[in-house]
């Protein structure tokens, strides 16, 4: 990830594949819940499977098997928002892995910020323009002063900006905050070491979420990501993993991608899933889900890479997931509303085709925008940054 050497890329392509699968899952979640429009039970309901079975009204054993398969697919579709925690983790991983074993970039923080801003803003501005002129996007908000504020990068304050125009853009505001504090985080990581740093970040996140939820009773957007401290746990987990990969690469990969990592991922994700409820346990939900789901998806992505026909699409999605993230939601909201009359099977087929087109188109647009931005500023392609090197995912 720190360079484009084929040998190194071949050993870490599971990271791009994990990112590619995750962004596809998030996009499918937005598409699916728009189409479902509240018609289906929610998987966090303890009675989910019985409720879904009642809606199927199976008459035979074969009907019951089909209903169970549908319920699992629907639950998977409705849990796609949890992959956002994986993107937070991957952002910390990409930034820190690109630094190597150093606590600061060799070219200094000024150049580092220039690279990050060049990576973030041109495509972000292009996404605003696409939303403004495209005839096939959902426009739930008018074009007013918030459009200019969003264009400037403000997705935090006032709270009305958080979901403005394209709700998925709230993640941009979180990443900008994490970039601003990243030099301090990198210094703490190297001073404390990966384990102690992660423990301190997790404690900070739990304390932040408790204060926001129970003491201040702040708007829920601050827990979701309008305040970076509420998502620092996942970001710090990625940073810690990146440093371990740099210092103890073989040992870390053997653990993470072996049976211990799979079991640990399943345990952490289960704990995070069960903690998703009102009360003190919710302070740990996103951190546990992010770490556990990342480990599980890393195993899944590595397995998918060896299947014929999936390697190139997954790596393409991973490399250009930033553009897909910025562009997809207004389109799937628009399309999802118009496909509501379809039953589940035809919708899955139509929705899959829509996502393929969006992924391909957004990837091409991102490539063009990045090239134009580099040429306009006279920046060599290498300085613009590879998508795996800390892009907002």
Protein backbone atom coordinates (compact mmCIF):
# COMPACT_ATOMS: atom_id res chain seq x y z
CA UNK A 1 0.00 0.00 0.00
CA UNK A 2 2.95 2.31 0.51
CA UNK A 3 3.92 1.79 -3.12
CA UNK A 4 2.62 0.04 -6.18
CA UNK A 5 5.15 -2.75 -6.34
CA UNK A 6 3.36 -5.83 -7.68
CA UNK A 7 4.81 -8.18 -5.05
CA UNK A 8 3.67 -6.05 -2.16
CA UNK A 9 0.26 -5.38 -3.70
CA UNK A 10 -0.27 -9.10 -4.19
CA UNK A 11 0.23 -9.72 -0.50
CA UNK A 12 -2.19 -7.00 0.62
CA UNK A 13 -4.85 -7.11 -2.07
CA UNK A 14 -7.23 -8.63 0.49
CA UNK A 15 -7.43 -5.13 2.03
CA UNK A 16 -8.71 -3.60 -1.21
CA UNK A 17 -11.05 -6.57 -1.63
CA UNK A 18 -12.37 -6.02 1.91
CA UNK A 19 -12.95 -2.37 1.08
CA UNK A 20 -14.65 -3.28 -2.19
CA UNK A 21 -17.01 -5.77 -0.59
CA UNK A 22 -17.79 -3.34 2.24
CA UNK A 23 -18.74 -0.42 0.00
CA UNK A 24 -20.92 -2.72 -2.09
CA UNK A 25 -22.67 -3.92 1.08
CA UNK A 26 -23.28 -0.34 2.25
CA UNK A 27 -24.69 0.65 -1.16
CA UNK A 28 -26.91 -2.44 -1.24
CA UNK A 29 -28.17 -1.59 2.25
CA UNK A 30 -29.22 1.90 1.12
CA UNK A 31 -30.89 0.42 -1.96
CA UNK A 32 -32.63 -2.40 -0.08
CA UNK A 33 -34.09 -0.37 2.78
CA UNK A 34 -35.43 2.19 0.29
CA UNK A 35 -37.17 -0.57 -1.65
CA UNK A 36 -38.43 -2.35 1.50
CA UNK A 37 -39.77 0.93 2.94
CA UNK A 38 -40.36 -0.60 6.39
CA UNK A 39 -42.32 -3.59 5.06
CA UNK A 40 -39.94 -6.18 6.51
CA UNK A 41 -38.99 -6.99 10.13
CA UNK A 42 -35.70 -5.62 11.44
CA UNK A 43 -32.93 -8.15 12.24
CA UNK A 44 -32.21 -6.59 15.65
CA UNK A 45 -35.69 -7.64 16.77
CA UNK A 46 -35.30 -10.77 18.95
CA UNK A 47 -38.36 -12.22 17.22
CA UNK A 48 -37.03 -11.49 13.72
CA UNK A 49 -37.06 -15.03 12.33
CA UNK A 50 -40.52 -15.87 13.65
CA UNK A 51 -41.89 -12.59 12.30
CA UNK A 52 -40.37 -13.26 8.90
CA UNK A 53 -41.69 -16.83 8.86
CA UNK A 54 -45.18 -15.54 9.65
CA UNK A 55 -44.96 -13.16 6.69
CA UNK A 56 -43.97 -16.05 4.39
CA UNK A 57 -46.76 -18.38 5.55
CA UNK A 58 -44.87 -21.54 4.46
CA UNK A 59 -47.00 -24.62 3.77
CA UNK A 60 -44.37 -27.26 3.10
CA UNK A 61 -40.86 -28.13 4.25
CA UNK A 62 -39.50 -26.74 1.00
CA UNK A 63 -41.42 -23.50 1.62
CA UNK A 64 -39.92 -23.24 5.10
CA UNK A 65 -36.42 -23.77 3.74
CA UNK A 66 -36.98 -21.06 1.15
CA UNK A 67 -38.39 -18.72 3.78
CA UNK A 68 -35.37 -19.28 6.02
CA UNK A 69 -33.01 -18.55 3.14
CA UNK A 70 -34.91 -15.35 2.36
CA UNK A 71 -34.84 -14.26 6.00
CA UNK A 72 -31.06 -14.66 6.12
CA UNK A 73 -30.60 -12.67 2.93
CA UNK A 74 -32.94 -9.92 4.13
CA UNK A 75 -31.12 -9.74 7.47
CA UNK A 76 -27.78 -9.52 5.66
CA UNK A 77 -29.14 -6.73 3.43
CA UNK A 78 -30.45 -4.72 6.38
CA UNK A 79 -27.17 -5.00 8.31
CA UNK A 80 -25.11 -3.32 5.59
CA UNK A 81 -24.84 -0.06 7.50
CA UNK A 82 -22.51 -1.82 9.94
CA UNK A 83 -19.83 -1.93 7.23
CA UNK A 84 -19.34 1.81 7.80
CA UNK A 85 -17.38 0.88 10.93
CA UNK A 86 -15.09 -1.18 8.71
CA UNK A 87 -14.43 1.88 6.53
CA UNK A 88 -13.44 3.91 9.58
CA UNK A 89 -11.00 1.14 10.53
CA UNK A 90 -9.65 0.91 6.97
CA UNK A 91 -9.05 4.66 6.91
CA UNK A 92 -6.83 4.44 9.98
CA UNK A 93 -5.09 1.40 8.55
CA UNK A 94 -4.39 3.05 5.18
CA UNK A 95 -3.03 6.28 6.62
CA UNK A 96 -0.77 4.58 9.13
CA UNK A 97 0.51 1.84 6.84
CA UNK A 98 1.56 4.51 4.34
CA UNK A 99 3.80 6.10 7.03
CA UNK A 100 5.80 2.90 7.45
CA UNK A 101 7.34 2.56 10.89
CA UNK A 102 7.68 6.31 11.38
CA UNK A 103 5.48 8.56 13.50
CA UNK A 104 5.53 11.27 10.83
CA UNK A 105 5.78 11.44 7.04
CA UNK A 106 9.26 11.88 5.60
CA UNK A 107 8.11 14.95 3.63
CA UNK A 108 6.52 16.56 6.69
CA UNK A 109 2.94 17.16 7.74
CA UNK A 110 2.44 20.12 5.40
CA UNK A 111 2.98 17.98 2.32
CA UNK A 112 0.97 15.17 3.92
CA UNK A 113 -2.04 17.45 4.35
CA UNK A 114 -1.67 18.67 0.78
CA UNK A 115 -1.86 15.08 -0.43
CA UNK A 116 -4.87 14.29 1.72
CA UNK A 117 -6.78 17.40 0.62
CA UNK A 118 -5.98 16.65 -3.01
CA UNK A 119 -7.32 13.15 -2.50
CA UNK A 120 -10.48 14.23 -0.66
CA UNK A 121 -11.88 17.41 -2.15
CA UNK A 122 -11.87 17.23 -5.98
CA UNK A 123 -14.03 14.11 -6.11
CA UNK A 124 -16.16 15.45 -3.26
CA UNK A 125 -16.82 18.63 -5.26
CA UNK A 126 -17.54 16.57 -8.38
CA UNK A 127 -20.15 14.56 -6.43
CA UNK A 128 -21.90 17.80 -5.46
CA UNK A 129 -22.00 18.85 -9.11
CA UNK A 130 -23.40 15.46 -10.16
CA UNK A 131 -26.11 15.68 -7.49
CA UNK A 132 -26.96 19.20 -8.66
CA UNK A 133 -27.39 18.40 -12.36
CA UNK A 134 -28.31 14.72 -12.63
CA UNK A 135 -31.99 14.01 -13.46
CA UNK A 136 -32.02 10.59 -11.77
CA UNK A 137 -31.19 11.37 -8.14
CA UNK A 138 -33.34 11.79 -5.05
CA UNK A 139 -33.49 15.43 -3.96
CA UNK A 140 -35.06 15.60 -0.53
CA UNK A 141 -33.47 18.97 0.25
CA UNK A 142 -33.52 22.31 -1.58
CA UNK A 143 -30.40 23.99 -2.91
CA UNK A 144 -29.70 26.71 -0.35
CA UNK A 145 -26.87 27.99 1.85
CA UNK A 146 -26.28 24.44 3.07
CA UNK A 147 -25.08 23.44 -0.39
CA UNK A 148 -22.24 25.97 -0.20
CA UNK A 149 -21.43 24.97 3.38
CA UNK A 150 -21.30 21.32 2.35
CA UNK A 151 -19.17 22.18 -0.68
CA UNK A 152 -16.69 23.83 1.70
CA UNK A 153 -16.46 20.57 3.66
CA UNK A 154 -18.76 21.33 6.60
CA UNK A 155 -20.94 18.30 7.37
CA UNK A 156 -21.04 18.84 11.13
CA UNK A 157 -22.48 22.18 12.25
CA UNK A 158 -25.24 23.19 12.38
CA UNK A 159 -26.78 19.71 12.75
CA UNK A 160 -28.97 20.25 9.69
CA UNK A 161 -25.88 19.79 7.50
CA UNK A 162 -25.20 16.26 8.67
CA UNK A 163 -27.68 14.55 6.31
CA UNK A 164 -28.11 17.38 3.82
CA UNK A 165 -28.54 16.51 0.11
CA UNK A 166 -26.73 13.17 0.22
CA UNK A 167 -26.99 11.55 3.68
CA UNK A 168 -23.89 9.39 3.06
CA UNK A 169 -21.71 12.51 2.99
CA UNK A 170 -21.78 12.69 6.81
CA UNK A 171 -18.81 10.32 6.66
CA UNK A 172 -16.76 13.00 4.90
CA UNK A 173 -17.07 15.28 7.94
CA UNK A 174 -15.87 12.51 10.22
CA UNK A 175 -12.81 11.78 8.08
CA UNK A 176 -11.87 15.47 7.93
CA UNK A 177 -11.92 15.60 11.74
CA UNK A 178 -9.78 12.48 12.01
CA UNK A 179 -7.29 13.91 9.54
CA UNK A 180 -7.01 17.08 11.62
CA UNK A 181 -6.05 15.16 14.77
CA UNK A 182 -4.07 12.45 12.98
CA UNK A 183 -0.55 13.84 13.73
CA UNK A 184 -1.33 13.68 17.45
CA UNK A 185 -2.78 10.19 17.10
CA UNK A 186 0.27 8.97 15.17
CA UNK A 187 2.61 10.33 17.84
CA UNK A 188 0.58 8.65 20.60
CA UNK A 189 0.54 5.34 18.71
CA UNK A 190 4.33 5.24 18.56
CA UNK A 191 4.75 6.42 22.13
CA UNK A 192 2.24 4.00 23.69
CA UNK A 193 2.49 1.05 21.32
CA UNK A 194 -0.43 -0.57 19.44
CA UNK A 195 -2.10 -2.34 22.37
CA UNK A 196 -2.05 0.51 24.89
CA UNK A 197 -2.94 3.05 22.20
CA UNK A 198 -5.99 1.03 21.15
CA UNK A 199 -7.09 0.61 24.76
CA UNK A 200 -6.77 4.37 25.38
CA UNK A 201 -8.70 5.19 22.17
CA UNK A 202 -11.45 2.70 23.07
CA UNK A 203 -11.75 4.24 26.53
CA UNK A 204 -11.94 7.71 24.99
CA UNK A 205 -14.70 6.56 22.64
CA UNK A 206 -16.73 4.92 25.40
CA UNK A 207 -16.41 8.03 27.58
CA UNK A 208 -17.34 10.31 24.68
CA UNK A 209 -20.42 8.31 23.78
CA UNK A 210 -21.52 8.10 27.40
CA UNK A 211 -21.19 11.88 27.84
CA UNK A 212 -23.02 12.57 24.58
CA UNK A 213 -25.83 10.10 25.22
CA UNK A 214 -26.40 10.16 28.96
CA UNK A 215 -24.94 13.39 30.33
CA UNK A 216 -25.31 16.04 27.63
CA UNK A 217 -28.14 14.19 25.83
CA UNK A 218 -26.79 15.59 22.57
CA UNK A 219 -28.22 15.09 19.10
CA UNK A 220 -27.61 11.51 17.95
CA UNK A 221 -25.56 12.68 14.98
CA UNK A 222 -22.64 13.39 17.32
CA UNK A 223 -22.53 9.75 18.37
CA UNK A 224 -22.80 8.62 14.75
CA UNK A 225 -19.79 10.67 13.68
CA UNK A 226 -20.32 14.43 13.94
CA UNK A 227 -17.81 14.23 16.82
CA UNK A 228 -14.72 12.21 15.90
CA UNK A 229 -14.23 10.88 19.42
CA UNK A 230 -17.34 8.75 19.14
CA UNK A 231 -15.71 6.74 16.32
CA UNK A 232 -12.07 6.91 17.39
CA UNK A 233 -12.07 3.28 18.54
CA UNK A 234 -12.47 1.89 15.00
CA UNK A 235 -9.96 4.35 13.52
CA UNK A 236 -7.41 3.54 16.20
CA UNK A 237 -7.90 -0.19 15.62
CA UNK A 238 -6.88 0.33 11.99
CA UNK A 239 -3.86 2.40 13.03
CA UNK A 240 -2.74 -0.25 15.52
CA UNK A 241 -3.14 -3.03 12.97
CA UNK A 242 -1.13 -1.06 10.40
CA UNK A 243 1.79 -0.63 12.78
CA UNK A 244 1.69 -4.33 13.66
CA UNK A 245 1.74 -5.17 9.96
CA UNK A 246 4.80 -2.96 9.52
CA UNK A 247 6.66 -4.32 12.55
CA UNK A 248 5.55 -7.97 12.59
CA UNK A 249 4.04 -8.58 9.20
CA UNK A 250 4.18 -12.38 8.94
CA UNK A 251 3.03 -12.98 12.51
CA UNK A 252 0.19 -10.43 12.25
CA UNK A 253 -1.08 -11.81 8.95
CA UNK A 254 -0.90 -15.38 10.22
CA UNK A 255 -3.00 -14.45 13.24
CA UNK A 256 -5.49 -12.17 11.50
CA UNK A 257 -6.09 -14.37 8.45
CA UNK A 258 -5.87 -17.64 10.35
CA UNK A 259 -8.28 -19.41 12.66
CA UNK A 260 -7.50 -17.17 15.69
CA UNK A 261 -8.46 -14.05 13.74
CA UNK A 262 -11.65 -15.67 12.46
CA UNK A 263 -12.73 -16.76 15.94
CA UNK A 264 -11.83 -13.41 17.47
CA UNK A 265 -13.75 -11.61 14.73
CA UNK A 266 -16.83 -13.75 15.30
CA UNK A 267 -16.68 -13.16 19.06
CA UNK A 268 -16.20 -9.39 18.74
CA UNK A 269 -18.95 -9.04 16.15
CA UNK A 270 -21.37 -11.09 18.24
CA UNK A 271 -20.65 -8.92 21.26
CA UNK A 272 -21.16 -5.78 19.17
CA UNK A 273 -24.41 -7.08 17.68
CA UNK A 274 -25.79 -7.94 21.11
CA UNK A 275 -24.74 -4.54 22.51
CA UNK A 276 -26.92 -2.71 19.98
CA UNK A 277 -29.62 -1.60 22.37
CA UNK A 278 -30.39 1.44 24.54
CA UNK A 279 -28.16 1.69 27.57
CA UNK A 280 -24.47 1.63 28.50
CA UNK A 281 -23.64 -1.24 26.13
CA UNK A 282 -24.28 0.99 23.09
CA UNK A 283 -21.12 2.93 23.93
CA UNK A 284 -19.17 -0.12 22.72
CA UNK A 285 -21.29 -1.14 19.72
CA UNK A 286 -19.46 0.47 16.80
CA UNK A 287 -16.00 -0.33 18.12
CA UNK A 288 -16.78 -4.01 18.65
CA UNK A 289 -18.67 -4.31 15.36
CA UNK A 290 -15.91 -2.55 13.42
CA UNK A 291 -13.13 -4.80 14.70
CA UNK A 292 -15.13 -8.01 14.50
CA UNK A 293 -16.66 -7.34 11.11
CA UNK A 294 -13.31 -6.31 9.64
CA UNK A 295 -11.76 -9.62 10.67
CA UNK A 296 -14.69 -11.58 9.23
CA UNK A 297 -14.77 -9.62 5.97
CA UNK A 298 -11.01 -9.96 5.58
CA UNK A 299 -11.43 -13.75 5.56
CA UNK A 300 -14.38 -13.49 3.18
CA UNK A 301 -12.56 -11.11 0.83
CA UNK A 302 -9.49 -13.31 0.65
CA UNK A 303 -11.72 -16.28 -0.24
CA UNK A 304 -13.60 -14.30 -2.89
CA UNK A 305 -10.37 -13.21 -4.56
CA UNK A 306 -9.64 -16.75 -5.70
CA UNK A 307 -13.04 -17.24 -7.33
CA UNK A 308 -13.06 -16.84 -11.13
CA UNK A 309 -14.43 -13.51 -12.31
CA UNK A 310 -14.53 -11.81 -8.89
CA UNK A 311 -10.94 -10.70 -8.38
CA UNK A 312 -10.87 -7.78 -10.81
CA UNK A 313 -14.31 -6.37 -9.89
CA UNK A 314 -13.53 -6.53 -6.17
CA UNK A 315 -10.16 -4.84 -6.56
CA UNK A 316 -11.69 -2.21 -8.84
CA UNK A 317 -14.34 -1.49 -6.22
CA UNK A 318 -11.69 -1.29 -3.53
CA UNK A 319 -9.48 1.05 -5.51
CA UNK A 320 -12.35 3.39 -6.43
CA UNK A 321 -14.65 2.96 -3.45
CA UNK A 322 -14.36 6.66 -2.60
CA UNK A 323 -16.19 7.73 -5.76
CA UNK A 324 -18.80 5.00 -5.32
CA UNK A 325 -19.39 6.10 -1.73
CA UNK A 326 -19.81 9.76 -2.74
CA UNK A 327 -22.16 9.13 -5.64
CA UNK A 328 -24.31 6.08 -4.99
CA UNK A 329 -26.94 7.03 -2.42
CA UNK A 330 -29.05 9.63 -4.30
CA UNK A 331 -29.25 7.22 -7.25
CA UNK A 332 -30.25 4.16 -5.23
CA UNK A 333 -32.82 6.19 -3.29
CA UNK A 334 -34.32 7.35 -6.59
CA UNK A 335 -34.28 3.86 -8.11
CA UNK A 336 -35.39 2.08 -4.94
CA UNK A 337 -38.56 4.15 -4.73
CA UNK A 338 -39.43 3.26 -8.34
CA UNK A 339 -38.82 -0.47 -7.89
CA UNK A 340 -41.02 -0.95 -4.81
CA UNK A 341 -43.70 -2.81 -6.74
CA UNK A 342 -41.23 -5.59 -7.61
CA UNK A 343 -41.07 -8.72 -5.48
CA UNK A 344 -37.80 -9.66 -3.79
CA UNK A 345 -36.35 -11.79 -6.61
CA UNK A 346 -36.83 -9.34 -9.50
CA UNK A 347 -35.72 -6.46 -7.27
CA UNK A 348 -32.45 -8.22 -6.43
CA UNK A 349 -31.76 -8.73 -10.13
CA UNK A 350 -32.64 -5.15 -11.09
CA UNK A 351 -30.82 -3.71 -8.07
CA UNK A 352 -27.69 -5.68 -8.85
CA UNK A 353 -27.61 -4.29 -12.38
CA UNK A 354 -28.06 -0.74 -11.09
CA UNK A 355 -25.16 -1.14 -8.63
CA UNK A 356 -22.88 -2.59 -11.31
CA UNK A 357 -23.53 0.43 -13.51
CA UNK A 358 -23.03 2.87 -10.62
CA UNK A 359 -19.79 1.21 -9.51
CA UNK A 360 -18.36 1.25 -13.01
CA UNK A 361 -19.44 4.82 -13.74
CA UNK A 362 -18.28 6.26 -10.42
CA UNK A 363 -14.92 4.51 -10.76
CA UNK A 364 -14.32 6.01 -14.19
CA UNK A 365 -15.40 9.45 -12.96
CA UNK A 366 -13.07 9.24 -9.96
CA UNK A 367 -10.16 8.32 -12.20
CA UNK A 368 -10.86 11.27 -14.51
CA UNK A 369 -11.36 13.77 -11.67
CA UNK A 370 -8.16 12.71 -9.91
CA UNK A 371 -6.18 13.02 -13.13
CA UNK A 372 -7.58 16.46 -13.90
CA UNK A 373 -6.92 17.68 -10.36
CA UNK A 374 -3.30 16.53 -10.45
CA UNK A 375 -2.67 18.13 -13.83
CA UNK A 376 -4.37 21.38 -12.81
CA UNK A 377 -2.15 21.67 -9.73
CA UNK A 378 0.98 20.31 -11.39
CA UNK A 379 1.15 17.40 -8.94
CA UNK A 380 2.90 14.15 -9.99
CA UNK A 381 0.55 11.12 -9.95
CA UNK A 382 2.45 9.57 -7.05
CA UNK A 383 1.92 12.61 -4.82
CA UNK A 384 -1.82 12.54 -5.45
CA UNK A 385 -2.02 9.37 -3.43
CA UNK A 386 -3.23 5.89 -4.24
CA UNK A 387 -6.77 5.17 -3.05
CA UNK A 388 -5.40 2.64 -0.55
CA UNK A 389 -3.20 5.26 1.09
CA UNK A 390 -5.63 6.74 3.54
CA UNK A 391 -8.48 7.78 1.30
CA UNK A 392 -11.78 8.42 3.03
CA UNK A 393 -13.41 5.02 2.98
